């Protein structure tokens, strides 16, 4: 019985590896990235202002990509604060969709 259970669980794990990530997975990954990379300047609650950075709740994907990856604002965007403190974090380019999902 134990061997059959082990084989069955192994099959379930293999089946799960090929699935597309659910939207909740993106939110969880975005939360992890946000807490690890953004909270030094932004509040742990993205709806609140941080010690240096503004609240980020509701930030658009375009804004996140422009600021995080390139350190610039998207065309036509008027910033809440006129500062240039944020440095680009291009290593997070692959996480922009996840961050956007979390901040929605």
N, C-alpha and C. Protein backbone atom coordinates (compact mmCIF):
# COMPACT_ATOMS: atom_id res chain seq x y z
N UNK A 1 0.82 -1.19 0.00
CA UNK A 1 0.00 0.00 0.00
C UNK A 1 0.87 1.25 0.00
N UNK A 2 1.94 1.29 0.78
CA UNK A 2 2.82 2.45 0.86
C UNK A 2 3.48 2.75 -0.48
N UNK A 3 3.86 1.69 -1.21
CA UNK A 3 4.52 1.90 -2.50
C UNK A 3 3.54 2.47 -3.51
N UNK A 4 2.31 1.98 -3.50
CA UNK A 4 1.29 2.49 -4.43
C UNK A 4 1.01 3.96 -4.13
N UNK A 5 0.96 4.31 -2.88
CA UNK A 5 0.71 5.71 -2.51
C UNK A 5 1.87 6.60 -2.97
N UNK A 6 3.09 6.12 -2.79
CA UNK A 6 4.26 6.87 -3.23
C UNK A 6 4.25 7.08 -4.74
N UNK A 7 3.92 6.03 -5.49
CA UNK A 7 3.86 6.13 -6.95
C UNK A 7 2.75 7.10 -7.36
N UNK A 8 1.61 7.00 -6.70
CA UNK A 8 0.49 7.90 -7.02
C UNK A 8 0.83 9.35 -6.76
N UNK A 9 1.46 9.62 -5.62
CA UNK A 9 1.85 11.00 -5.31
C UNK A 9 2.91 11.51 -6.28
N UNK A 10 3.83 10.64 -6.66
CA UNK A 10 4.85 11.03 -7.64
C UNK A 10 4.22 11.39 -8.98
N UNK A 11 3.21 10.65 -9.38
CA UNK A 11 2.50 10.96 -10.63
C UNK A 11 1.80 12.30 -10.56
N UNK A 12 1.18 12.58 -9.42
CA UNK A 12 0.52 13.88 -9.25
C UNK A 12 1.53 15.02 -9.33
N UNK A 13 2.68 14.85 -8.70
CA UNK A 13 3.71 15.89 -8.75
C UNK A 13 4.21 16.11 -10.16
N UNK A 14 4.41 15.04 -10.92
CA UNK A 14 4.86 15.19 -12.30
C UNK A 14 3.80 15.87 -13.15
N UNK A 15 2.55 15.55 -12.93
CA UNK A 15 1.46 16.19 -13.69
C UNK A 15 1.40 17.67 -13.39
N UNK A 16 1.63 18.06 -12.15
CA UNK A 16 1.58 19.47 -11.76
C UNK A 16 2.73 20.27 -12.36
N UNK A 17 3.85 19.64 -12.65
CA UNK A 17 5.00 20.35 -13.20
C UNK A 17 4.73 20.91 -14.58
N UNK A 18 3.85 20.29 -15.35
CA UNK A 18 3.60 20.74 -16.70
C UNK A 18 2.48 21.75 -16.83
N UNK A 19 1.86 22.13 -15.77
CA UNK A 19 0.70 23.02 -15.86
C UNK A 19 1.13 24.48 -15.98
N UNK A 20 0.26 25.29 -16.55
CA UNK A 20 0.49 26.72 -16.60
C UNK A 20 0.25 27.30 -15.21
N UNK A 21 1.02 28.30 -14.81
CA UNK A 21 0.81 28.88 -13.49
C UNK A 21 -0.54 29.56 -13.40
N UNK A 22 -1.20 29.38 -12.29
CA UNK A 22 -2.49 30.04 -12.04
C UNK A 22 -2.24 31.50 -11.71
N UNK A 23 -3.25 32.36 -11.91
CA UNK A 23 -3.06 33.77 -11.55
C UNK A 23 -2.61 33.95 -10.10
N UNK A 24 -3.09 33.11 -9.20
CA UNK A 24 -2.69 33.23 -7.80
C UNK A 24 -1.20 32.96 -7.63
N UNK A 25 -0.64 32.10 -8.50
CA UNK A 25 0.79 31.83 -8.44
C UNK A 25 1.57 33.10 -8.77
N UNK A 26 1.10 33.86 -9.76
CA UNK A 26 1.76 35.11 -10.14
C UNK A 26 1.71 36.11 -8.98
N UNK A 27 0.57 36.18 -8.31
CA UNK A 27 0.44 37.09 -7.17
C UNK A 27 1.41 36.68 -6.06
N UNK A 28 1.50 35.40 -5.79
CA UNK A 28 2.41 34.92 -4.74
C UNK A 28 3.87 35.20 -5.12
N UNK A 29 4.22 34.95 -6.38
CA UNK A 29 5.59 35.25 -6.82
C UNK A 29 5.86 36.75 -6.75
N UNK A 30 4.90 37.56 -7.16
CA UNK A 30 5.05 39.01 -7.10
C UNK A 30 5.22 39.50 -5.69
N UNK A 31 4.46 38.92 -4.77
CA UNK A 31 4.58 39.30 -3.35
C UNK A 31 5.98 38.98 -2.84
N UNK A 32 6.49 37.81 -3.21
CA UNK A 32 7.83 37.41 -2.78
C UNK A 32 8.88 38.37 -3.32
N UNK A 33 8.78 38.72 -4.59
CA UNK A 33 9.74 39.66 -5.19
C UNK A 33 9.62 41.02 -4.51
N UNK A 34 8.39 41.47 -4.33
CA UNK A 34 8.17 42.79 -3.71
C UNK A 34 8.79 42.85 -2.31
N UNK A 35 8.50 41.84 -1.50
CA UNK A 35 9.02 41.85 -0.12
C UNK A 35 10.54 41.75 -0.09
N UNK A 36 11.12 41.01 -1.04
CA UNK A 36 12.57 40.84 -1.05
C UNK A 36 13.31 42.02 -1.67
N UNK A 37 12.71 42.67 -2.66
CA UNK A 37 13.45 43.67 -3.43
C UNK A 37 12.98 45.11 -3.25
N UNK A 38 11.75 45.31 -2.83
CA UNK A 38 11.17 46.66 -2.87
C UNK A 38 11.00 47.32 -1.49
N UNK A 39 10.94 46.52 -0.46
CA UNK A 39 10.59 47.07 0.85
C UNK A 39 11.71 47.82 1.56
N UNK A 40 12.89 47.85 0.99
CA UNK A 40 13.93 48.69 1.57
C UNK A 40 13.55 50.16 1.42
N UNK A 41 12.82 50.48 0.36
CA UNK A 41 12.41 51.86 0.10
C UNK A 41 10.91 52.06 0.17
N UNK A 42 10.15 51.05 -0.20
CA UNK A 42 8.69 51.11 -0.20
C UNK A 42 8.17 50.31 1.00
N UNK A 43 7.01 50.67 1.49
CA UNK A 43 6.44 50.00 2.67
C UNK A 43 6.14 48.54 2.36
N UNK A 44 6.15 47.70 3.39
CA UNK A 44 5.79 46.30 3.20
C UNK A 44 4.34 46.17 2.76
N UNK A 45 3.50 47.13 3.12
CA UNK A 45 2.14 47.21 2.60
C UNK A 45 2.19 48.18 1.42
N UNK A 46 2.03 47.70 0.18
CA UNK A 46 2.20 48.57 -0.98
C UNK A 46 1.17 49.70 -1.08
N UNK A 47 0.16 49.70 -0.24
CA UNK A 47 -0.82 50.79 -0.24
C UNK A 47 -0.34 51.99 0.58
N UNK A 48 0.75 51.80 1.32
CA UNK A 48 1.26 52.86 2.20
C UNK A 48 2.58 53.42 1.67
N UNK A 49 2.86 54.69 2.00
CA UNK A 49 4.17 55.24 1.62
C UNK A 49 5.28 54.58 2.43
N UNK A 50 6.42 54.40 1.79
CA UNK A 50 7.57 53.82 2.47
C UNK A 50 8.48 54.90 3.00
N UNK A 51 9.61 54.49 3.58
CA UNK A 51 10.55 55.47 4.13
C UNK A 51 11.14 56.38 3.05
N UNK A 52 11.22 55.89 1.81
CA UNK A 52 11.79 56.68 0.72
C UNK A 52 10.83 56.73 -0.48
N UNK A 53 10.19 55.61 -0.78
CA UNK A 53 9.37 55.50 -1.98
C UNK A 53 7.89 55.66 -1.72
N UNK A 54 7.15 56.01 -2.78
CA UNK A 54 5.70 56.20 -2.66
C UNK A 54 4.97 54.87 -2.58
N UNK A 55 3.67 54.90 -2.27
CA UNK A 55 2.86 53.68 -2.33
C UNK A 55 2.86 53.15 -3.76
N UNK A 56 2.80 51.85 -3.91
CA UNK A 56 2.83 51.24 -5.24
C UNK A 56 1.56 50.48 -5.60
N UNK A 57 0.63 50.36 -4.67
CA UNK A 57 -0.62 49.64 -4.94
C UNK A 57 -1.26 50.24 -6.19
N UNK A 58 -1.61 49.39 -7.15
CA UNK A 58 -2.27 49.83 -8.36
C UNK A 58 -1.34 50.33 -9.45
N UNK A 59 -0.03 50.27 -9.24
CA UNK A 59 0.91 50.73 -10.28
C UNK A 59 0.73 49.89 -11.54
N UNK A 60 0.73 50.55 -12.68
CA UNK A 60 0.54 49.84 -13.95
C UNK A 60 1.77 49.03 -14.31
N UNK A 61 1.56 48.06 -15.18
CA UNK A 61 2.69 47.25 -15.65
C UNK A 61 3.69 48.14 -16.39
N UNK A 62 3.18 49.08 -17.19
CA UNK A 62 4.06 49.98 -17.95
C UNK A 62 4.95 50.80 -17.01
N UNK A 63 4.36 51.30 -15.94
CA UNK A 63 5.15 52.07 -14.97
C UNK A 63 6.19 51.19 -14.30
N UNK A 64 5.79 50.00 -13.89
CA UNK A 64 6.73 49.09 -13.24
C UNK A 64 7.89 48.74 -14.16
N UNK A 65 7.58 48.41 -15.39
CA UNK A 65 8.65 48.05 -16.33
C UNK A 65 9.59 49.22 -16.56
N UNK A 66 9.04 50.41 -16.77
CA UNK A 66 9.88 51.58 -17.04
C UNK A 66 10.76 51.91 -15.84
N UNK A 67 10.19 51.97 -14.65
CA UNK A 67 10.96 52.37 -13.46
C UNK A 67 11.91 51.27 -12.99
N UNK A 68 11.40 50.05 -12.90
CA UNK A 68 12.21 48.97 -12.35
C UNK A 68 13.33 48.57 -13.32
N UNK A 69 13.01 48.40 -14.57
CA UNK A 69 13.99 47.89 -15.53
C UNK A 69 14.90 49.00 -16.06
N UNK A 70 14.31 50.17 -16.39
CA UNK A 70 15.10 51.22 -17.05
C UNK A 70 15.38 52.44 -16.18
N UNK A 71 14.69 52.56 -15.05
CA UNK A 71 14.90 53.72 -14.18
C UNK A 71 14.32 54.99 -14.75
N UNK A 72 13.31 54.87 -15.61
CA UNK A 72 12.68 56.03 -16.25
C UNK A 72 11.16 55.93 -16.06
N UNK A 73 10.47 56.96 -16.47
CA UNK A 73 9.01 56.92 -16.45
C UNK A 73 8.51 56.61 -17.85
N UNK A 74 7.35 55.97 -17.96
CA UNK A 74 6.80 55.72 -19.30
C UNK A 74 6.37 57.04 -19.95
N UNK A 75 6.33 57.09 -21.26
CA UNK A 75 5.93 58.33 -21.94
C UNK A 75 4.57 58.83 -21.45
N UNK A 76 4.49 60.12 -21.18
CA UNK A 76 3.25 60.74 -20.77
C UNK A 76 2.89 60.59 -19.31
N UNK A 77 3.71 59.90 -18.55
CA UNK A 77 3.41 59.68 -17.12
C UNK A 77 3.88 60.87 -16.30
N UNK A 78 3.04 61.33 -15.39
CA UNK A 78 3.41 62.39 -14.47
C UNK A 78 3.66 61.76 -13.10
N UNK A 79 4.90 61.79 -12.61
CA UNK A 79 5.20 61.14 -11.32
C UNK A 79 4.56 61.86 -10.14
N UNK A 80 4.31 61.08 -9.10
CA UNK A 80 3.76 61.62 -7.85
C UNK A 80 4.80 62.48 -7.14
N UNK A 81 6.05 62.08 -7.26
CA UNK A 81 7.16 62.78 -6.61
C UNK A 81 8.21 63.11 -7.66
N UNK A 82 8.81 64.25 -7.56
CA UNK A 82 9.86 64.65 -8.50
C UNK A 82 11.23 64.29 -7.91
N UNK A 83 11.51 63.01 -7.84
CA UNK A 83 12.80 62.56 -7.33
C UNK A 83 13.42 61.60 -8.33
N UNK A 84 14.69 61.36 -8.18
CA UNK A 84 15.40 60.41 -9.04
C UNK A 84 16.20 59.44 -8.17
N UNK A 85 15.60 59.03 -7.06
CA UNK A 85 16.32 58.17 -6.12
C UNK A 85 16.37 56.71 -6.55
N UNK A 86 15.36 56.23 -7.26
CA UNK A 86 15.29 54.81 -7.59
C UNK A 86 16.31 54.46 -8.66
N UNK A 87 17.09 53.46 -8.36
CA UNK A 87 18.05 52.95 -9.34
C UNK A 87 17.39 51.81 -10.12
N UNK A 88 17.73 51.63 -11.38
CA UNK A 88 17.16 50.52 -12.15
C UNK A 88 17.56 49.17 -11.54
N UNK A 89 16.65 48.23 -11.64
CA UNK A 89 16.90 46.86 -11.18
C UNK A 89 16.60 45.92 -12.35
N UNK A 90 17.42 45.95 -13.40
CA UNK A 90 17.12 45.16 -14.60
C UNK A 90 17.05 43.66 -14.36
N UNK A 91 17.64 43.20 -13.28
CA UNK A 91 17.58 41.77 -12.96
C UNK A 91 16.15 41.32 -12.64
N UNK A 92 15.25 42.28 -12.42
CA UNK A 92 13.86 41.94 -12.12
C UNK A 92 12.96 41.97 -13.36
N UNK A 93 13.53 42.13 -14.54
CA UNK A 93 12.73 42.22 -15.78
C UNK A 93 11.78 41.04 -15.94
N UNK A 94 12.22 39.86 -15.61
CA UNK A 94 11.38 38.67 -15.76
C UNK A 94 10.27 38.60 -14.72
N UNK A 95 10.32 39.45 -13.70
CA UNK A 95 9.33 39.43 -12.62
C UNK A 95 8.30 40.54 -12.72
N UNK A 96 8.35 41.35 -13.77
CA UNK A 96 7.44 42.49 -13.88
C UNK A 96 5.98 42.06 -13.89
N UNK A 97 5.64 41.02 -14.65
CA UNK A 97 4.24 40.56 -14.68
C UNK A 97 3.78 40.11 -13.30
N UNK A 98 4.65 39.42 -12.57
CA UNK A 98 4.31 38.98 -11.22
C UNK A 98 4.12 40.15 -10.28
N UNK A 99 5.02 41.13 -10.35
CA UNK A 99 4.89 42.32 -9.53
C UNK A 99 3.58 43.06 -9.83
N UNK A 100 3.27 43.18 -11.11
CA UNK A 100 2.02 43.85 -11.51
C UNK A 100 0.81 43.10 -10.96
N UNK A 101 0.85 41.77 -11.01
CA UNK A 101 -0.27 40.97 -10.48
C UNK A 101 -0.42 41.20 -8.99
N UNK A 102 0.68 41.24 -8.26
CA UNK A 102 0.62 41.45 -6.82
C UNK A 102 0.11 42.86 -6.48
N UNK A 103 0.54 43.86 -7.23
CA UNK A 103 0.19 45.24 -6.91
C UNK A 103 -1.20 45.65 -7.37
N UNK A 104 -1.87 44.84 -8.19
CA UNK A 104 -3.24 45.15 -8.64
C UNK A 104 -4.19 45.22 -7.51
